[in-house]
C-alpha atoms as a PDB file:
ATOM      1  CA  UNK A   1      -6.129 -24.576  -7.214  1.00  0.00           C
ATOM      2  CA  UNK A   2      -4.898 -28.563  -8.186  1.00  0.00           C
ATOM      3  CA  UNK A   3      -5.504 -29.861  -4.418  1.00  0.00           C
ATOM      4  CA  UNK A   4      -5.607 -33.737  -4.187  1.00  0.00           C
ATOM      5  CA  UNK A   5      -4.407 -34.883  -7.724  1.00  0.00           C
ATOM      6  CA  UNK A   6      -4.039 -39.027  -7.793  1.00  0.00           C
ATOM      7  CA  UNK A   7      -5.373 -41.373  -4.572  1.00  0.00           C
ATOM      8  CA  UNK A   8      -3.919 -45.021  -5.156  1.00  0.00           C
ATOM      9  CA  UNK A   9      -4.804 -47.606  -2.492  1.00  0.00           C
ATOM     10  CA  UNK A  10      -2.292 -50.782  -2.647  1.00  0.00           C
ATOM     11  CA  UNK A  11      -2.452 -53.556  -0.121  1.00  0.00           C
ATOM     12  CA  UNK A  12      -0.676 -52.457   2.660  1.00  0.00           C
ATOM     13  CA  UNK A  13       0.018 -48.918   2.552  1.00  0.00           C
ATOM     14  CA  UNK A  14      -1.936 -45.338   0.788  1.00  0.00           C
ATOM     15  CA  UNK A  15      -0.055 -43.174  -1.401  1.00  0.00           C
ATOM     16  CA  UNK A  16      -0.979 -39.719  -1.472  1.00  0.00           C
ATOM     17  CA  UNK A  17      -0.357 -37.109  -4.453  1.00  0.00           C
ATOM     18  CA  UNK A  18      -0.046 -33.774  -3.585  1.00  0.00           C
ATOM     19  CA  UNK A  19       0.526 -31.899  -6.901  1.00  0.00           C
ATOM     20  CA  UNK A  20      -0.543 -28.279  -5.943  1.00  0.00           C
ATOM     21  CA  UNK A  21       2.235 -27.725  -3.305  1.00  0.00           C
ATOM     22  CA  UNK A  22       4.367 -26.158  -5.715  1.00  0.00           C
ATOM     23  CA  UNK A  23       1.935 -24.630  -6.817  1.00  0.00           C
ATOM     24  CA  UNK A  24       0.906 -23.175  -3.199  1.00  0.00           C
ATOM     25  CA  UNK A  25       4.936 -22.242  -2.452  1.00  0.00           C
ATOM     26  CA  UNK A  26       4.558 -19.965  -5.643  1.00  0.00           C
ATOM     27  CA  UNK A  27       1.007 -18.323  -4.391  1.00  0.00           C
ATOM     28  CA  UNK A  28       2.849 -17.553  -1.009  1.00  0.00           C
ATOM     29  CA  UNK A  29       6.334 -16.054  -2.225  1.00  0.00           C
ATOM     30  CA  UNK A  30       5.730 -12.501  -3.217  1.00  0.00           C
ATOM     31  CA  UNK A  31       3.822 -12.167   0.680  1.00  0.00           C
ATOM     32  CA  UNK A  32       6.707 -13.601   2.095  1.00  0.00           C
ATOM     33  CA  UNK A  33       8.484 -11.359   0.381  1.00  0.00           C
ATOM     34  CA  UNK A  34       6.873  -8.920   0.688  1.00  0.00           C
ATOM     35  CA  UNK A  35       6.114  -9.277   5.118  1.00  0.00           C
ATOM     36  CA  UNK A  36      10.323  -9.939   5.254  1.00  0.00           C
ATOM     37  CA  UNK A  37      10.705  -6.712   3.008  1.00  0.00           C
ATOM     38  CA  UNK A  38       8.490  -5.067   5.447  1.00  0.00           C
ATOM     39  CA  UNK A  39       9.874  -6.033   8.230  1.00  0.00           C
ATOM     40  CA  UNK A  40      13.435  -4.317   7.478  1.00  0.00           C
ATOM     41  CA  UNK A  41      11.915  -1.834   6.912  1.00  0.00           C
ATOM     42  CA  UNK A  42      10.930  -0.718  10.284  1.00  0.00           C
ATOM     43  CA  UNK A  43      13.572  -2.159  11.604  1.00  0.00           C
ATOM     44  CA  UNK A  44      14.652   0.370   9.931  1.00  0.00           C
ATOM     45  CA  UNK A  45      13.270   3.821  10.802  1.00  0.00           C
ATOM     46  CA  UNK A  46      14.236   5.910  13.345  1.00  0.00           C
ATOM     47  CA  UNK A  47      12.445   8.962  14.975  1.00  0.00           C
ATOM     48  CA  UNK A  48      13.016  12.548  13.447  1.00  0.00           C
ATOM     49  CA  UNK A  49      15.335  13.898  16.194  1.00  0.00           C
ATOM     50  CA  UNK A  50      13.436  17.554  17.224  1.00  0.00           C
ATOM     51  CA  UNK A  51      15.263  18.785  14.570  1.00  0.00           C
ATOM     52  CA  UNK A  52      14.198  17.180  11.647  1.00  0.00           C
ATOM     53  CA  UNK A  53      10.102  17.621  12.859  1.00  0.00           C
ATOM     54  CA  UNK A  54      10.494  21.422  12.459  1.00  0.00           C
ATOM     55  CA  UNK A  55      11.658  21.003   8.942  1.00  0.00           C
ATOM     56  CA  UNK A  56       9.258  18.680   8.414  1.00  0.00           C
ATOM     57  CA  UNK A  57       6.163  20.277  10.084  1.00  0.00           C
ATOM     58  CA  UNK A  58       7.392  23.644   8.492  1.00  0.00           C
ATOM     59  CA  UNK A  59       7.243  22.173   5.295  1.00  0.00           C
ATOM     60  CA  UNK A  60       4.251  20.900   5.700  1.00  0.00           C
ATOM     61  CA  UNK A  61       2.411  23.732   6.981  1.00  0.00           C
ATOM     62  CA  UNK A  62       4.165  26.053   4.139  1.00  0.00           C
ATOM     63  CA  UNK A  63       1.770  23.522   1.674  1.00  0.00           C
ATOM     64  CA  UNK A  64      -0.842  24.562   3.362  1.00  0.00           C
ATOM     65  CA  UNK A  65      -0.521  27.571   3.621  1.00  0.00           C
ATOM     66  CA  UNK A  66      -0.099  27.197  -0.485  1.00  0.00           C
ATOM     67  CA  UNK A  67      -3.112  25.006  -0.740  1.00  0.00           C
ATOM     68  CA  UNK A  68      -5.308  27.354   0.999  1.00  0.00           C
ATOM     69  CA  UNK A  69      -4.363  30.289  -0.902  1.00  0.00           C
ATOM     70  CA  UNK A  70      -4.652  28.970  -4.380  1.00  0.00           C
ATOM     71  CA  UNK A  71      -7.937  27.356  -3.414  1.00  0.00           C
ATOM     72  CA  UNK A  72      -9.468  31.455  -2.570  1.00  0.00           C
ATOM     73  CA  UNK A  73      -8.099  33.277  -5.812  1.00  0.00           C
ATOM     74  CA  UNK A  74      -9.958  29.681  -7.864  1.00  0.00           C
ATOM     75  CA  UNK A  75     -12.865  30.395  -5.422  1.00  0.00           C
ATOM     76  CA  UNK A  76     -12.496  34.339  -5.316  1.00  0.00           C
ATOM     77  CA  UNK A  77     -12.634  34.187  -9.784  1.00  0.00           C
ATOM     78  CA  UNK A  78     -14.826  31.848 -10.066  1.00  0.00           C
ATOM     79  CA  UNK A  79     -17.449  33.679  -7.760  1.00  0.00           C
ATOM     80  CA  UNK A  80     -17.720  35.741 -10.809  1.00  0.00           C
ATOM     81  CA  UNK A  81     -18.294  34.086 -13.426  1.00  0.00           C
ATOM     82  CA  UNK A  82     -20.268  32.308 -12.348  1.00  0.00           C
ATOM     83  CA  UNK A  83     -22.917  35.183 -11.224  1.00  0.00           C
ATOM     84  CA  UNK A  84     -21.977  36.543 -14.776  1.00  0.00           C
ATOM     85  CA  UNK A  85     -22.959  33.125 -16.242  1.00  0.00           C
ATOM     86  CA  UNK A  86     -26.845  32.176 -14.264  1.00  0.00           C
ATOM     87  CA  UNK A  87     -27.778  35.698 -14.492  1.00  0.00           C
END
C-alpha cells in the first residue's frame, strides 16, 4: 500500500497527496460486488413449498441409501480380502 506519497508545506496551507485511494478502491471493488450479488441472491430466494420440499427430501434419502449400500458392499468384499492378505 502506497500510503502517504507526498507531503509539502507551504507558507499558509498544507498539501496532502494521497495516491493510494485508487488502489484501495480497486482492492475493495470485488468485495463490494460480491456483497451486492449476495444480497440480490438472498432477496430472490424463496422458501420451498411442501411438494418441492418432499422431492428434495426423497432425493436426499435415496442418495443416502445408495451410498450406504455401496459402502456396505465395499466393506463386505474388503473383509475377506483383508483376511486373506493378513493371514
